[in-house]
Structures are given as structure tokens and as C-alpha cells.
Amino acid sequence: MPVIRIVAALIVDEQQRVLLVRKAGTTVFMQPGGKYEPGETARQALVRELHEELGLVVAEAQLEHLGSFEAVAANEAGHTVEAEVFKAPLTGTPGVQAEIVELLWVLPAASGHLAIAPLTTDRIFPLLIAAAEF
């Protein structure tokens, strides 16, 4: 199965809601982030994507690496995503920009009615739930 390498951000607000975005031409919500440009590190790619997609200015040093995860790709049939996931601070008010057409804040436990990417439901939400138990 072909692999798509991406970076993704976990952004949580003071009410413990997670920021999800939906890109143009898709129906599935996912973490903010995206594909690497040539020569970029994971941190550089995520800083760029957060600025381009949401207008957020985040420094590389503010990103906390949570791990590398694989999941079925949400929008590319027959593909897998390989994601470097970072916790990122909420450094302003995110806005819809570039290819993003919708954003929303969700509580992981109350998100069952939404179409959400497998990376989020199978990998990132379980991380949050495990962290909340300690």
C-alpha cells in the first residue's frame, strides 16, 4: 500500500476540545497539517502548514513530538499515512485559509457523529484519553 508522509498537529483548547479541519473537496475532518515540501524537517513542515492553513504562528521549539503513527489515509483510497504528530500550542485564533474550508473544535468523546480521519480516531484520540487517565 503506498505511503503518504505527513505532519499533523494536536491543538487542544482550554475546554479540552481538539481542533479539526476539513480540506476543500473532502468530507472528512482531520488534524491540521499536511505534506512535506522538499528539504523540510517535520517541525519546519508543521510550522509552515499551521501558518498557511490557519494563520497560526508557532515556533519549532513550541512543538512537542508525540510520536510517529500510521493509519489508513482518509482521502486517498488504497494509501496509508505515516504521520509525525506534534502537540502545538494555540497561539491565536485559527482561521480558514488556503485549502481549508471548515474548522471545528470537538470533544473526542462527543465526536461519533462526524466523519473523522482514521489517524485522529485510531491514534490521536486514544493518546488524549490515555493522558487524561493519569
N, C-alpha and C. Protein backbone atom coordinates (compact mmCIF):
# COMPACT_ATOMS: atom_id res chain seq x y z
N MET A 1 0.85 -1.18 0.00
CA MET A 1 0.00 0.00 0.00
C MET A 1 0.89 1.24 0.00
N PRO A 2 0.68 2.17 -0.93
CA PRO A 2 1.50 3.39 -0.98
C PRO A 2 1.38 4.21 0.31
N VAL A 3 2.50 4.84 0.70
CA VAL A 3 2.56 5.62 1.93
C VAL A 3 2.67 7.10 1.61
N ILE A 4 1.89 7.90 2.32
CA ILE A 4 1.95 9.36 2.22
C ILE A 4 2.53 9.86 3.53
N ARG A 5 3.66 10.56 3.46
CA ARG A 5 4.30 11.10 4.67
C ARG A 5 3.73 12.48 4.97
N ILE A 6 3.26 12.66 6.20
CA ILE A 6 2.67 13.93 6.60
C ILE A 6 3.13 14.32 8.00
N VAL A 7 2.81 15.56 8.35
CA VAL A 7 2.95 16.06 9.72
C VAL A 7 1.55 16.46 10.17
N ALA A 8 1.29 16.32 11.47
CA ALA A 8 -0.03 16.67 11.99
C ALA A 8 0.11 17.30 13.37
N ALA A 9 -0.81 18.22 13.66
CA ALA A 9 -0.79 18.93 14.94
C ALA A 9 -1.98 18.54 15.80
N LEU A 10 -1.70 18.33 17.06
CA LEU A 10 -2.74 18.18 18.07
C LEU A 10 -2.81 19.52 18.79
N ILE A 11 -3.92 20.21 18.60
CA ILE A 11 -4.14 21.50 19.26
C ILE A 11 -5.38 21.36 20.12
N VAL A 12 -5.23 21.60 21.41
CA VAL A 12 -6.31 21.43 22.37
C VAL A 12 -6.55 22.77 23.05
N ASP A 13 -7.84 23.15 23.18
CA ASP A 13 -8.15 24.42 23.85
C ASP A 13 -8.38 24.21 25.34
N GLU A 14 -8.72 25.29 26.04
CA GLU A 14 -8.88 25.22 27.49
C GLU A 14 -10.07 24.36 27.93
N GLN A 15 -10.99 24.06 27.02
CA GLN A 15 -12.11 23.17 27.35
C GLN A 15 -11.82 21.72 26.96
N GLN A 16 -10.55 21.44 26.62
CA GLN A 16 -10.11 20.10 26.21
C GLN A 16 -10.73 19.65 24.89
N ARG A 17 -11.09 20.62 24.05
CA ARG A 17 -11.58 20.30 22.71
C ARG A 17 -10.41 20.28 21.74
N VAL A 18 -10.49 19.43 20.74
CA VAL A 18 -9.44 19.25 19.75
C VAL A 18 -9.84 19.98 18.47
N LEU A 19 -8.87 20.70 17.89
CA LEU A 19 -9.11 21.40 16.63
C LEU A 19 -8.99 20.43 15.47
N LEU A 20 -10.04 20.36 14.64
CA LEU A 20 -10.04 19.55 13.42
C LEU A 20 -10.34 20.45 12.24
N VAL A 21 -9.85 20.07 11.07
CA VAL A 21 -10.08 20.84 9.85
C VAL A 21 -10.60 19.93 8.74
N ARG A 22 -11.26 20.56 7.78
CA ARG A 22 -11.71 19.83 6.58
C ARG A 22 -11.19 20.58 5.36
N LYS A 23 -10.54 19.85 4.47
CA LYS A 23 -9.97 20.46 3.27
C LYS A 23 -10.99 20.49 2.14
N ALA A 24 -10.81 21.42 1.21
CA ALA A 24 -11.69 21.55 0.05
C ALA A 24 -11.79 20.23 -0.69
N GLY A 25 -13.00 19.89 -1.12
CA GLY A 25 -13.22 18.68 -1.90
C GLY A 25 -13.24 17.40 -1.09
N THR A 26 -13.27 17.52 0.26
CA THR A 26 -13.30 16.34 1.11
C THR A 26 -14.48 16.42 2.08
N THR A 27 -14.81 15.30 2.70
CA THR A 27 -15.90 15.27 3.68
C THR A 27 -15.40 14.87 5.06
N VAL A 28 -14.11 14.56 5.18
CA VAL A 28 -13.56 14.03 6.42
C VAL A 28 -12.76 15.10 7.17
N PHE A 29 -13.00 15.20 8.48
CA PHE A 29 -12.24 16.11 9.33
C PHE A 29 -10.96 15.42 9.78
N MET A 30 -9.91 16.21 9.98
CA MET A 30 -8.60 15.67 10.36
C MET A 30 -7.82 16.70 11.15
N GLN A 31 -6.66 16.28 11.64
CA GLN A 31 -5.76 17.19 12.33
C GLN A 31 -5.22 18.20 11.33
N PRO A 32 -4.95 19.43 11.76
CA PRO A 32 -4.24 20.36 10.89
C PRO A 32 -2.85 19.81 10.57
N GLY A 33 -2.35 20.13 9.41
CA GLY A 33 -1.03 19.67 9.00
C GLY A 33 -1.02 19.40 7.51
N GLY A 34 -0.09 18.58 7.08
CA GLY A 34 -0.06 18.27 5.66
C GLY A 34 1.24 17.61 5.25
N LYS A 35 1.50 17.67 3.95
CA LYS A 35 2.66 17.01 3.37
C LYS A 35 3.90 17.89 3.47
N TYR A 36 5.02 17.24 3.45
CA TYR A 36 6.32 17.92 3.47
C TYR A 36 6.59 18.58 2.12
N GLU A 37 7.33 19.68 2.15
CA GLU A 37 7.92 20.24 0.94
C GLU A 37 9.37 19.75 0.91
N PRO A 38 9.99 19.70 -0.26
CA PRO A 38 11.36 19.18 -0.36
C PRO A 38 12.32 19.87 0.63
N GLY A 39 13.08 19.03 1.35
CA GLY A 39 14.10 19.55 2.26
C GLY A 39 13.61 19.94 3.64
N GLU A 40 12.31 19.89 3.89
CA GLU A 40 11.78 20.30 5.19
C GLU A 40 11.92 19.20 6.24
N THR A 41 12.17 19.62 7.46
CA THR A 41 12.07 18.71 8.60
C THR A 41 10.60 18.66 8.99
N ALA A 42 10.25 17.73 9.87
CA ALA A 42 8.86 17.62 10.32
C ALA A 42 8.41 18.92 11.00
N ARG A 43 9.26 19.46 11.86
CA ARG A 43 8.89 20.70 12.57
C ARG A 43 8.71 21.87 11.60
N GLN A 44 9.62 21.99 10.63
CA GLN A 44 9.50 23.07 9.65
C GLN A 44 8.21 22.94 8.84
N ALA A 45 7.90 21.72 8.43
CA ALA A 45 6.68 21.50 7.65
C ALA A 45 5.44 21.86 8.45
N LEU A 46 5.41 21.48 9.73
CA LEU A 46 4.22 21.76 10.53
C LEU A 46 4.08 23.25 10.81
N VAL A 47 5.17 23.93 11.11
CA VAL A 47 5.12 25.38 11.32
C VAL A 47 4.55 26.06 10.06
N ARG A 48 5.03 25.65 8.89
CA ARG A 48 4.54 26.22 7.62
C ARG A 48 3.06 25.93 7.41
N GLU A 49 2.68 24.67 7.60
CA GLU A 49 1.28 24.28 7.38
C GLU A 49 0.33 25.01 8.31
N LEU A 50 0.68 25.13 9.59
CA LEU A 50 -0.20 25.83 10.54
C LEU A 50 -0.38 27.29 10.15
N HIS A 51 0.68 27.89 9.62
CA HIS A 51 0.58 29.29 9.19
C HIS A 51 -0.25 29.40 7.92
N GLU A 52 0.03 28.55 6.93
CA GLU A 52 -0.69 28.61 5.66
C GLU A 52 -2.17 28.28 5.81
N GLU A 53 -2.49 27.25 6.58
CA GLU A 53 -3.86 26.76 6.67
C GLU A 53 -4.72 27.51 7.68
N LEU A 54 -4.12 27.95 8.78
CA LEU A 54 -4.91 28.50 9.89
C LEU A 54 -4.48 29.89 10.34
N GLY A 55 -3.37 30.41 9.78
CA GLY A 55 -2.87 31.72 10.18
C GLY A 55 -2.22 31.73 11.55
N LEU A 56 -1.87 30.55 12.07
CA LEU A 56 -1.24 30.47 13.39
C LEU A 56 0.28 30.57 13.25
N VAL A 57 0.89 31.33 14.14
CA VAL A 57 2.35 31.45 14.16
C VAL A 57 2.86 30.67 15.36
N VAL A 58 3.52 29.56 15.06
CA VAL A 58 4.06 28.66 16.08
C VAL A 58 5.54 28.48 15.80
N ALA A 59 6.36 28.56 16.84
CA ALA A 59 7.80 28.33 16.69
C ALA A 59 8.09 26.83 16.78
N GLU A 60 9.12 26.39 16.07
CA GLU A 60 9.50 24.98 16.11
C GLU A 60 9.70 24.49 17.55
N ALA A 61 10.30 25.33 18.39
CA ALA A 61 10.59 24.95 19.77
C ALA A 61 9.32 24.74 20.60
N GLN A 62 8.19 25.26 20.14
CA GLN A 62 6.92 25.10 20.87
C GLN A 62 6.23 23.78 20.56
N LEU A 63 6.72 23.04 19.58
CA LEU A 63 6.10 21.78 19.19
C LEU A 63 6.63 20.64 20.05
N GLU A 64 5.72 19.86 20.62
CA GLU A 64 6.08 18.71 21.44
C GLU A 64 5.81 17.43 20.64
N HIS A 65 6.86 16.69 20.32
CA HIS A 65 6.71 15.49 19.50
C HIS A 65 5.97 14.41 20.29
N LEU A 66 4.88 13.91 19.73
CA LEU A 66 4.09 12.87 20.38
C LEU A 66 4.37 11.48 19.83
N GLY A 67 4.93 11.43 18.63
CA GLY A 67 5.26 10.13 18.07
C GLY A 67 5.03 10.05 16.58
N SER A 68 5.37 8.89 16.03
CA SER A 68 5.15 8.57 14.62
C SER A 68 4.04 7.53 14.56
N PHE A 69 3.06 7.77 13.71
CA PHE A 69 1.89 6.90 13.65
C PHE A 69 1.52 6.60 12.20
N GLU A 70 0.97 5.41 12.00
CA GLU A 70 0.44 5.02 10.69
C GLU A 70 -1.05 4.80 10.80
N ALA A 71 -1.75 5.14 9.72
CA ALA A 71 -3.20 4.91 9.66
C ALA A 71 -3.62 4.87 8.20
N VAL A 72 -4.81 4.36 7.97
CA VAL A 72 -5.38 4.38 6.62
C VAL A 72 -5.61 5.85 6.23
N ALA A 73 -5.25 6.21 5.01
CA ALA A 73 -5.44 7.58 4.53
C ALA A 73 -6.93 7.89 4.41
N ALA A 74 -7.31 9.07 4.84
CA ALA A 74 -8.73 9.46 4.82
C ALA A 74 -9.23 9.81 3.43
N ASN A 75 -8.39 10.45 2.63
CA ASN A 75 -8.86 10.98 1.35
C ASN A 75 -8.21 10.36 0.12
N GLU A 76 -7.27 9.46 0.30
CA GLU A 76 -6.60 8.80 -0.82
C GLU A 76 -6.79 7.29 -0.69
N ALA A 77 -7.77 6.77 -1.40
CA ALA A 77 -8.10 5.35 -1.32
C ALA A 77 -6.87 4.49 -1.62
N GLY A 78 -6.71 3.42 -0.83
CA GLY A 78 -5.62 2.49 -1.05
C GLY A 78 -4.27 2.97 -0.55
N HIS A 79 -4.24 4.09 0.21
CA HIS A 79 -3.00 4.63 0.73
C HIS A 79 -2.99 4.59 2.26
N THR A 80 -1.78 4.65 2.80
CA THR A 80 -1.57 4.76 4.24
C THR A 80 -0.89 6.10 4.50
N VAL A 81 -1.22 6.74 5.61
CA VAL A 81 -0.46 7.92 6.02
C VAL A 81 0.52 7.51 7.10
N GLU A 82 1.70 8.09 7.02
CA GLU A 82 2.73 7.94 8.04
C GLU A 82 2.94 9.35 8.59
N ALA A 83 2.50 9.57 9.82
CA ALA A 83 2.46 10.93 10.37
C ALA A 83 3.40 11.11 11.55
N GLU A 84 4.12 12.23 11.52
CA GLU A 84 4.83 12.72 12.69
C GLU A 84 3.84 13.66 13.36
N VAL A 85 3.47 13.35 14.59
CA VAL A 85 2.43 14.12 15.28
C VAL A 85 3.07 14.92 16.42
N PHE A 86 2.68 16.18 16.47
CA PHE A 86 3.19 17.10 17.48
C PHE A 86 2.03 17.78 18.19
N LYS A 87 2.17 17.99 19.48
CA LYS A 87 1.25 18.85 20.21
C LYS A 87 1.72 20.27 19.96
N ALA A 88 0.79 21.14 19.56
CA ALA A 88 1.12 22.53 19.26
C ALA A 88 0.26 23.44 20.14
N PRO A 89 0.82 24.55 20.60
CA PRO A 89 0.03 25.47 21.41
C PRO A 89 -0.95 26.25 20.54
N LEU A 90 -2.02 26.70 21.15
CA LEU A 90 -2.96 27.58 20.47
C LEU A 90 -2.41 28.99 20.64
N THR A 91 -1.83 29.54 19.56
CA THR A 91 -1.12 30.82 19.64
C THR A 91 -1.94 32.00 19.13
N GLY A 92 -3.20 31.79 18.87
CA GLY A 92 -4.07 32.84 18.34
C GLY A 92 -5.41 32.24 18.00
N THR A 93 -6.17 32.95 17.21
CA THR A 93 -7.47 32.44 16.77
C THR A 93 -7.31 31.85 15.38
N PRO A 94 -7.47 30.53 15.24
CA PRO A 94 -7.31 29.92 13.92
C PRO A 94 -8.41 30.38 12.97
N GLY A 95 -8.03 30.57 11.73
CA GLY A 95 -8.99 30.95 10.69
C GLY A 95 -8.83 30.05 9.48
N VAL A 96 -9.90 29.93 8.70
CA VAL A 96 -9.90 29.10 7.50
C VAL A 96 -9.11 29.81 6.41
N GLN A 97 -8.06 29.16 5.90
CA GLN A 97 -7.21 29.72 4.86
C GLN A 97 -6.78 28.60 3.92
N ALA A 98 -6.15 28.97 2.80
CA ALA A 98 -5.60 28.02 1.83
C ALA A 98 -6.66 26.99 1.44
N GLU A 99 -6.32 25.69 1.55
CA GLU A 99 -7.26 24.65 1.12
C GLU A 99 -8.27 24.26 2.21
N ILE A 100 -8.18 24.87 3.38
CA ILE A 100 -9.10 24.55 4.46
C ILE A 100 -10.43 25.28 4.22
N VAL A 101 -11.53 24.53 4.31
CA VAL A 101 -12.84 25.15 4.11
C VAL A 101 -13.69 25.16 5.38
N GLU A 102 -13.28 24.40 6.39
CA GLU A 102 -14.06 24.35 7.62
C GLU A 102 -13.14 23.92 8.77
N LEU A 103 -13.36 24.51 9.93
CA LEU A 103 -12.67 24.06 11.13
C LEU A 103 -13.69 23.95 12.25
N LEU A 104 -13.40 23.07 13.18
CA LEU A 104 -14.28 22.94 14.34
C LEU A 104 -13.51 22.40 15.52
N TRP A 105 -14.06 22.65 16.69
CA TRP A 105 -13.49 22.16 17.95
C TRP A 105 -14.39 21.05 18.44
N VAL A 106 -13.81 19.88 18.75
CA VAL A 106 -14.61 18.74 19.20
C VAL A 106 -14.04 18.13 20.46
N LEU A 107 -14.93 17.62 21.28
CA LEU A 107 -14.54 16.79 22.41
C LEU A 107 -14.42 15.37 21.86
N PRO A 108 -13.29 14.70 22.05
CA PRO A 108 -13.13 13.36 21.49
C PRO A 108 -14.29 12.41 21.83
N ALA A 109 -14.81 12.48 23.06
CA ALA A 109 -15.87 11.57 23.46
C ALA A 109 -17.22 11.89 22.80
N ALA A 110 -17.34 13.09 22.23
CA ALA A 110 -18.62 13.50 21.63
C ALA A 110 -18.49 13.72 20.13
N SER A 111 -17.59 12.98 19.49
CA SER A 111 -17.33 13.22 18.06
C SER A 111 -17.85 12.11 17.16
N GLY A 112 -18.60 11.17 17.71
CA GLY A 112 -19.05 10.00 16.96
C GLY A 112 -19.90 10.29 15.74
N HIS A 113 -20.55 11.45 15.70
CA HIS A 113 -21.43 11.78 14.58
C HIS A 113 -20.69 12.39 13.39
N LEU A 114 -19.39 12.65 13.54
CA LEU A 114 -18.60 13.29 12.48
C LEU A 114 -17.80 12.27 11.69
N ALA A 115 -17.53 12.59 10.43
CA ALA A 115 -16.61 11.80 9.61
C ALA A 115 -15.21 12.31 9.93
N ILE A 116 -14.41 11.49 10.63
CA ILE A 116 -13.09 11.90 11.09
C ILE A 116 -12.06 10.90 10.58
N ALA A 117 -10.90 11.41 10.20
CA ALA A 117 -9.82 10.59 9.65
C ALA A 117 -9.38 9.51 10.64
N PRO A 118 -9.03 8.32 10.11
CA PRO A 118 -8.55 7.24 10.98
C PRO A 118 -7.34 7.63 11.84
N LEU A 119 -6.45 8.47 11.34
CA LEU A 119 -5.30 8.90 12.15
C LEU A 119 -5.79 9.53 13.45
N THR A 120 -6.83 10.33 13.35
CA THR A 120 -7.38 11.01 14.53
C THR A 120 -8.11 10.03 15.44
N THR A 121 -9.02 9.25 14.88
CA THR A 121 -9.85 8.37 15.72
C THR A 121 -9.07 7.18 16.28
N ASP A 122 -8.14 6.64 15.48
CA ASP A 122 -7.43 5.41 15.90
C ASP A 122 -6.13 5.67 16.64
N ARG A 123 -5.52 6.84 16.45
CA ARG A 123 -4.21 7.10 17.05
C ARG A 123 -4.22 8.29 18.01
N ILE A 124 -4.74 9.43 17.57
CA ILE A 124 -4.62 10.66 18.37
C ILE A 124 -5.63 10.72 19.50
N PHE A 125 -6.89 10.43 19.24
CA PHE A 125 -7.87 10.44 20.34
C PHE A 125 -7.49 9.47 21.45
N PRO A 126 -7.03 8.23 21.14
CA PRO A 126 -6.60 7.33 22.22
C PRO A 126 -5.45 7.91 23.05
N LEU A 127 -4.54 8.66 22.42
CA LEU A 127 -3.46 9.32 23.17
C LEU A 127 -4.03 10.28 24.21
N LEU A 128 -5.01 11.06 23.80
CA LEU A 128 -5.64 12.04 24.69
C LEU A 128 -6.37 11.36 25.83
N ILE A 129 -7.08 10.30 25.51
CA ILE A 129 -7.85 9.58 26.54
C ILE A 129 -6.89 8.97 27.55
N ALA A 130 -5.80 8.37 27.08
CA ALA A 130 -4.81 7.78 27.98
C ALA A 130 -4.17 8.84 28.87
N ALA A 131 -3.88 10.00 28.31
CA ALA A 131 -3.26 11.09 29.08
C ALA A 131 -4.21 11.61 30.16
N ALA A 132 -5.50 11.62 29.86
CA ALA A 132 -6.49 12.13 30.81
C ALA A 132 -6.67 11.19 32.00
N GLU A 133 -6.28 9.92 31.83
CA GLU A 133 -6.46 8.94 32.91
C GLU A 133 -5.37 9.02 33.96
N PHE A 134 -4.35 9.87 33.74
CA PHE A 134 -3.25 9.98 34.70
C PHE A 134 -3.29 11.28 35.45
